[in-house]
Amino acid sequence: MELWEKVCHQRIRYIVDCYELDLGESAEDFTDYLQELWLAYAYAQIELALVETLVASWVQIPAVKGMAFLYQVHDRLKSWESCSKIPSSITPSQFQQISGLDPTPVFGQSDRRLSQAV
């Protein structure tokens, strides 16, 4: 595994661990399913889906966690598959406030042009 992949995995695990999203029936099943998502989707999409699903689940009491939460994340990821641009319901600032992570890997750098070759 390359360094950038380790960092991406760590970012996703950080979100999961901070909100204890892997609590429930089986932490091992949760980890296995999360690994399947890592193979199928871009890391940035998984991060965004985790945070958006987390926000959506805040209206549910008790909070959804464990495999039920991860199934909702996967449903969100599947709904984005046919979209040319992912319709995010949160801003980069909100993403940072909720996740505690830099939003740049997820949202990109809107204030810099990366193709400014002279």
Protein backbone atom coordinates (compact mmCIF):
# COMPACT_ATOMS: atom_id res chain seq x y z
CA MET A 1 0.00 0.00 0.00
CA GLU A 2 1.35 3.39 -0.97
CA LEU A 3 1.67 6.27 1.50
CA TRP A 4 -1.22 8.25 0.00
CA GLU A 5 -3.46 5.18 0.35
CA LYS A 6 -2.48 4.81 4.00
CA VAL A 7 -3.35 8.46 4.60
CA CYS A 8 -6.72 8.03 2.88
CA HIS A 9 -7.50 4.93 4.95
CA GLN A 10 -6.46 6.80 8.09
CA ARG A 11 -8.77 9.72 7.25
CA ILE A 12 -11.73 7.37 6.80
CA ARG A 13 -10.91 5.45 9.98
CA TYR A 14 -10.65 8.77 11.83
CA ILE A 15 -14.25 9.65 10.91
CA VAL A 16 -15.43 6.15 11.83
CA ASP A 17 -13.57 6.19 15.15
CA CYS A 18 -14.55 9.73 16.18
CA TYR A 19 -18.25 8.98 15.84
CA GLU A 20 -17.93 5.31 16.88
CA LEU A 21 -19.70 4.32 13.69
CA ASP A 22 -18.42 0.75 13.84
CA LEU A 23 -20.34 -0.08 17.02
CA GLY A 24 -23.00 -2.69 16.63
CA GLU A 25 -23.29 -6.31 15.69
CA SER A 26 -19.75 -7.01 14.57
CA ALA A 27 -16.79 -4.66 14.22
CA GLU A 28 -15.14 -7.27 12.00
CA ASP A 29 -18.09 -7.30 9.57
CA PHE A 30 -18.02 -3.50 9.53
CA THR A 31 -14.31 -3.45 8.70
CA ASP A 32 -14.73 -6.08 5.98
CA TYR A 33 -17.57 -4.13 4.37
CA LEU A 34 -15.62 -0.89 4.62
CA GLN A 35 -12.70 -2.57 2.84
CA GLU A 36 -15.07 -3.58 0.03
CA LEU A 37 -16.08 0.06 -0.32
CA TRP A 38 -12.39 1.06 -0.44
CA LEU A 39 -11.96 -1.23 -3.43
CA ALA A 40 -15.07 -0.02 -5.23
CA TYR A 41 -15.10 3.76 -4.68
CA ALA A 42 -12.74 6.71 -4.53
CA TYR A 43 -11.57 7.54 -1.00
CA ALA A 44 -12.86 11.11 -1.26
CA GLN A 45 -16.33 9.82 -2.18
CA ILE A 46 -16.34 7.50 0.83
CA GLU A 47 -15.33 10.35 3.15
CA LEU A 48 -18.07 12.58 1.79
CA ALA A 49 -20.65 9.79 1.95
CA LEU A 50 -19.69 9.05 5.57
CA VAL A 51 -20.10 12.70 6.60
CA GLU A 52 -23.32 13.27 4.64
CA THR A 53 -24.85 10.07 6.03
CA LEU A 54 -23.76 11.11 9.51
CA VAL A 55 -25.52 14.47 9.11
CA ALA A 56 -28.66 12.79 7.75
CA SER A 57 -28.69 10.32 10.65
CA TRP A 58 -28.59 13.02 13.32
CA VAL A 59 -32.38 13.33 13.11
CA GLN A 60 -32.78 9.66 14.06
CA ILE A 61 -32.85 8.60 17.68
CA PRO A 62 -31.12 6.42 18.58
CA ALA A 63 -28.31 7.21 16.18
CA VAL A 64 -27.73 4.69 13.41
CA LYS A 65 -24.39 2.92 13.74
CA GLY A 66 -22.73 -0.30 12.72
CA MET A 67 -23.70 -2.16 9.58
CA ALA A 68 -26.99 -0.25 9.23
CA PHE A 69 -25.00 2.98 9.00
CA LEU A 70 -22.56 1.51 6.48
CA TYR A 71 -25.44 0.24 4.32
CA GLN A 72 -26.76 3.81 4.20
CA VAL A 73 -23.30 5.05 3.19
CA HIS A 74 -23.17 2.45 0.42
CA ASP A 75 -26.66 3.41 -0.81
CA ARG A 76 -25.51 7.03 -1.01
CA LEU A 77 -22.40 6.02 -2.95
CA LYS A 78 -24.52 3.95 -5.37
CA SER A 79 -26.86 6.91 -5.93
CA TRP A 80 -23.87 9.01 -7.02
CA GLU A 81 -22.61 6.47 -9.58
CA SER A 82 -24.62 7.95 -12.45
CA CYS A 83 -23.86 11.57 -11.56
CA SER A 84 -21.21 13.48 -13.48
CA LYS A 85 -20.82 15.76 -10.45
CA ILE A 86 -21.59 14.56 -6.93
CA PRO A 87 -24.45 16.62 -5.48
CA SER A 88 -23.06 17.47 -2.05
CA SER A 89 -25.43 18.79 0.58
CA ILE A 90 -22.59 20.16 2.73
CA THR A 91 -19.94 22.80 2.15
CA PRO A 92 -16.19 22.30 2.55
CA SER A 93 -16.37 24.34 5.77
CA GLN A 94 -19.14 22.15 7.16
CA PHE A 95 -17.20 19.03 6.17
CA GLN A 96 -14.20 20.31 8.12
CA GLN A 97 -16.29 21.21 11.17
CA ILE A 98 -17.99 17.80 11.24
CA SER A 99 -15.03 15.58 10.38
CA GLY A 100 -12.17 17.65 11.77
CA LEU A 101 -10.31 16.96 8.51
CA ASP A 102 -9.00 19.16 5.73
CA PRO A 103 -11.73 19.27 3.05
CA THR A 104 -9.29 19.76 0.15
CA PRO A 105 -8.90 16.04 -0.73
CA VAL A 106 -12.68 15.77 -0.96
CA PHE A 107 -13.70 19.10 -2.52
CA GLY A 108 -10.51 20.10 -4.33
CA GLN A 109 -8.80 23.45 -4.33
CA SER A 110 -11.19 26.09 -5.58
CA ASP A 111 -8.85 29.00 -4.90
CA ARG A 112 -5.87 27.73 -6.94
CA ARG A 113 -5.51 26.74 -10.55
CA LEU A 114 -3.45 23.63 -10.79
CA SER A 115 -2.85 24.03 -14.51
CA GLN A 116 -1.05 27.37 -14.53
CA ALA A 117 1.91 26.32 -16.68
CA VAL A 118 4.01 29.13 -18.08
